[in-house]
C-alpha atoms as a PDB file:
ATOM      1  CA  MET A   1      -8.193  -1.928 -26.801  1.00  0.00           C
ATOM      2  CA  ALA A   2      -5.731  -4.610 -27.408  1.00  0.00           C
ATOM      3  CA  TYR A   3      -4.915  -6.834 -24.415  1.00  0.00           C
ATOM      4  CA  GLY A   4      -2.886  -9.800 -24.120  1.00  0.00           C
ATOM      5  CA  SER A   5      -0.385 -10.563 -25.571  1.00  0.00           C
ATOM      6  CA  ASP A   6      -0.914  -8.054 -28.039  1.00  0.00           C
ATOM      7  CA  ILE A   7       0.335  -5.168 -25.805  1.00  0.00           C
ATOM      8  CA  GLU A   8       3.591  -4.448 -24.551  1.00  0.00           C
ATOM      9  CA  ARG A   9       3.580  -4.398 -20.248  1.00  0.00           C
ATOM     10  CA  ARG A  10       4.244  -0.741 -19.464  1.00  0.00           C
ATOM     11  CA  PRO A  11       3.717   0.987 -16.313  1.00  0.00           C
ATOM     12  CA  GLU A  12       1.374   3.560 -18.589  1.00  0.00           C
ATOM     13  CA  CYS A  13      -0.941   0.085 -18.848  1.00  0.00           C
ATOM     14  CA  ALA A  14      -4.593   0.921 -16.890  1.00  0.00           C
ATOM     15  CA  VAL A  15      -4.831  -2.191 -16.219  1.00  0.00           C
ATOM     16  CA  GLU A  16      -1.070  -2.768 -14.995  1.00  0.00           C
ATOM     17  CA  ARG A  17      -1.649   0.624 -13.079  1.00  0.00           C
ATOM     18  CA  THR A  18      -4.929  -0.956 -10.988  1.00  0.00           C
ATOM     19  CA  VAL A  19      -3.545  -3.853 -10.249  1.00  0.00           C
ATOM     20  CA  GLY A  20      -0.842  -1.926  -8.973  1.00  0.00           C
ATOM     21  CA  ILE A  21      -2.911  -0.252  -6.248  1.00  0.00           C
ATOM     22  CA  ILE A  22      -5.032  -2.934  -5.253  1.00  0.00           C
ATOM     23  CA  GLY A  23      -3.491  -6.082  -6.398  1.00  0.00           C
ATOM     24  CA  ALA A  24      -1.623  -6.804  -3.240  1.00  0.00           C
ATOM     25  CA  LYS A  25      -2.780  -9.567  -1.271  1.00  0.00           C
ATOM     26  CA  TRP A  26      -5.743  -8.154   0.951  1.00  0.00           C
ATOM     27  CA  THR A  27      -6.349  -5.005  -0.365  1.00  0.00           C
ATOM     28  CA  THR A  28      -9.415  -5.371  -2.499  1.00  0.00           C
ATOM     29  CA  LEU A  29     -11.053  -6.877   0.523  1.00  0.00           C
ATOM     30  CA  ILE A  30     -10.331  -4.252   2.635  1.00  0.00           C
ATOM     31  CA  LEU A  31     -11.587  -1.860  -0.121  1.00  0.00           C
ATOM     32  CA  ARG A  32     -15.196  -4.239   0.010  1.00  0.00           C
ATOM     33  CA  GLU A  33     -15.329  -3.343   4.064  1.00  0.00           C
ATOM     34  CA  LEU A  34     -14.291   0.370   3.506  1.00  0.00           C
ATOM     35  CA  LEU A  35     -16.654   0.821   0.821  1.00  0.00           C
ATOM     36  CA  GLY A  36     -19.703  -0.293   3.088  1.00  0.00           C
ATOM     37  CA  GLY A  37     -18.879   2.839   5.434  1.00  0.00           C
ATOM     38  CA  THR A  38     -16.309   4.423   7.731  1.00  0.00           C
ATOM     39  CA  LYS A  39     -14.666   1.514   9.931  1.00  0.00           C
ATOM     40  CA  ARG A  40     -11.837   1.199  13.010  1.00  0.00           C
ATOM     41  CA  PHE A  41      -9.034  -1.023  13.044  1.00  0.00           C
ATOM     42  CA  GLY A  42     -10.666  -3.769  14.821  1.00  0.00           C
ATOM     43  CA  GLU A  43     -13.555  -3.169  12.932  1.00  0.00           C
ATOM     44  CA  LEU A  44     -12.117  -4.194   9.983  1.00  0.00           C
ATOM     45  CA  LYS A  45      -9.516  -6.994  11.966  1.00  0.00           C
ATOM     46  CA  SER A  46     -12.595  -8.436  12.517  1.00  0.00           C
ATOM     47  CA  ALA A  47     -13.819  -8.633   9.025  1.00  0.00           C
ATOM     48  CA  LEU A  48     -11.269  -9.993   7.141  1.00  0.00           C
ATOM     49  CA  ALA A  49     -10.227 -12.932   9.233  1.00  0.00           C
ATOM     50  CA  GLY A  50      -6.480 -13.883   8.663  1.00  0.00           C
ATOM     51  CA  ILE A  51      -5.665 -11.424   8.204  1.00  0.00           C
ATOM     52  CA  SER A  52      -2.496 -10.529  10.611  1.00  0.00           C
ATOM     53  CA  PRO A  53      -2.638  -6.593  12.264  1.00  0.00           C
ATOM     54  CA  LYS A  54       0.578  -5.807  10.826  1.00  0.00           C
ATOM     55  CA  THR A  55       0.079  -6.474   7.217  1.00  0.00           C
ATOM     56  CA  LEU A  56      -3.994  -4.709   7.747  1.00  0.00           C
ATOM     57  CA  SER A  57      -1.697  -1.571   9.425  1.00  0.00           C
ATOM     58  CA  ASP A  58       0.866  -1.864   6.400  1.00  0.00           C
ATOM     59  CA  ARG A  59      -2.490  -2.069   3.358  1.00  0.00           C
ATOM     60  CA  LEU A  60      -3.874   0.972   5.387  1.00  0.00           C
ATOM     61  CA  ARG A  61      -0.604   2.808   5.294  1.00  0.00           C
ATOM     62  CA  THR A  62      -0.518   2.258   1.604  1.00  0.00           C
ATOM     63  CA  LEU A  63      -3.667   2.622   0.697  1.00  0.00           C
ATOM     64  CA  GLU A  64      -3.417   6.247   2.341  1.00  0.00           C
ATOM     65  CA  ALA A  65      -0.564   7.120   1.083  1.00  0.00           C
ATOM     66  CA  GLN A  66      -2.015   6.456  -2.060  1.00  0.00           C
ATOM     67  CA  GLY A  67      -5.082   8.649  -1.766  1.00  0.00           C
ATOM     68  CA  ILE A  68      -6.898   5.886  -1.475  1.00  0.00           C
ATOM     69  CA  VAL A  69      -7.938   6.120   2.075  1.00  0.00           C
ATOM     70  CA  THR A  70      -7.966   8.878   4.471  1.00  0.00           C
ATOM     71  CA  ARG A  71      -6.847   7.977   8.529  1.00  0.00           C
ATOM     72  CA  GLU A  72      -8.716  10.300  11.439  1.00  0.00           C
ATOM     73  CA  VAL A  73      -7.747  10.113  14.817  1.00  0.00           C
ATOM     74  CA  PHE A  74      -9.174  11.210  17.205  1.00  0.00           C
ATOM     75  CA  PRO A  75      -8.253  13.073  20.657  1.00  0.00           C
ATOM     76  CA  GLU A  76      -8.971  10.755  22.922  1.00  0.00           C
ATOM     77  CA  VAL A  77      -8.194   7.914  26.181  1.00  0.00           C
ATOM     78  CA  PRO A  78      -7.955   5.434  24.152  1.00  0.00           C
ATOM     79  CA  PRO A  79      -7.258   6.554  20.833  1.00  0.00           C
ATOM     80  CA  ARG A  80      -9.652   5.827  18.305  1.00  0.00           C
ATOM     81  CA  VAL A  81      -9.326   5.992  14.490  1.00  0.00           C
ATOM     82  CA  GLU A  82     -11.175   5.522  11.784  1.00  0.00           C
ATOM     83  CA  TYR A  83     -10.339   5.083   7.829  1.00  0.00           C
ATOM     84  CA  THR A  84     -12.828   6.405   5.118  1.00  0.00           C
ATOM     85  CA  LEU A  85     -12.420   5.836   1.630  1.00  0.00           C
ATOM     86  CA  THR A  86     -11.540   9.044  -0.435  1.00  0.00           C
ATOM     87  CA  PRO A  87     -13.443   9.950  -3.587  1.00  0.00           C
ATOM     88  CA  ARG A  88     -10.586   8.108  -5.512  1.00  0.00           C
ATOM     89  CA  GLY A  89     -11.352   4.539  -3.161  1.00  0.00           C
ATOM     90  CA  HIS A  90     -15.149   5.396  -3.670  1.00  0.00           C
ATOM     91  CA  SER A  91     -14.310   5.125  -7.700  1.00  0.00           C
ATOM     92  CA  LEU A  92     -12.403   1.776  -7.180  1.00  0.00           C
ATOM     93  CA  GLY A  93     -16.308   0.462  -6.243  1.00  0.00           C
ATOM     94  CA  ASP A  94     -17.254  -0.281  -9.777  1.00  0.00           C
ATOM     95  CA  ILE A  95     -14.486  -2.570  -9.703  1.00  0.00           C
ATOM     96  CA  ILE A  96     -15.180  -4.406  -6.597  1.00  0.00           C
ATOM     97  CA  ALA A  97     -18.966  -4.927  -7.768  1.00  0.00           C
ATOM     98  CA  ALA A  98     -17.796  -5.964 -11.160  1.00  0.00           C
ATOM     99  CA  MET A  99     -15.530  -8.677  -8.937  1.00  0.00           C
ATOM    100  CA  ALA A 100     -18.009  -9.515  -6.812  1.00  0.00           C
ATOM    101  CA  LYS A 101     -20.645 -10.216  -9.741  1.00  0.00           C
ATOM    102  CA  TRP A 102     -18.463 -12.223 -11.823  1.00  0.00           C
ATOM    103  CA  GLY A 103     -17.411 -14.206  -8.687  1.00  0.00           C
ATOM    104  CA  ALA A 104     -21.068 -14.928  -7.830  1.00  0.00           C
ATOM    105  CA  GLN A 105     -21.773 -16.276 -11.994  1.00  0.00           C
ATOM    106  CA  ASP A 106     -18.137 -18.524 -11.466  1.00  0.00           C
ATOM    107  CA  ARG A 107     -19.160 -19.690  -8.582  1.00  0.00           C
ATOM    108  CA  ASP A 108     -20.186 -23.256  -9.499  1.00  0.00           C
ATOM    109  CA  ASN A 109     -17.217 -23.873 -12.868  1.00  0.00           C
ATOM    110  CA  VAL A 110     -14.231 -24.298 -10.850  1.00  0.00           C
ATOM    111  CA  ALA A 111     -13.322 -26.312  -7.701  1.00  0.00           C
ATOM    112  CA  ARG A 112     -12.631 -24.136  -4.771  1.00  0.00           C
ATOM    113  CA  VAL A 113      -9.001 -23.262  -4.544  1.00  0.00           C
ATOM    114  CA  ASP A 114      -7.327 -21.875  -0.995  1.00  0.00           C
END
């Protein structure tokens, strides 16, 4: 498989497709949290310091539309909504794990950029 400048950039490129799904800011961190199990909106918000409610809501809607996350609304007062990874979402676990492994190994190689 060729990478870099040897391949034409196109939607059929597997890397490009994957980045199109998980590449938006916060998406990978949302997936990381949901790999730990079902979460409510507030739990995700607390776990992701700095994310705005609007951004979290937008990312969750997108992930739901992509078949990565399911949203379950319970008929309670106050309303309870839970987010869970679908089997397709769980299939991204190896990618998140590889990112975590690389990040841990590379921790001391470069100055932190925020």
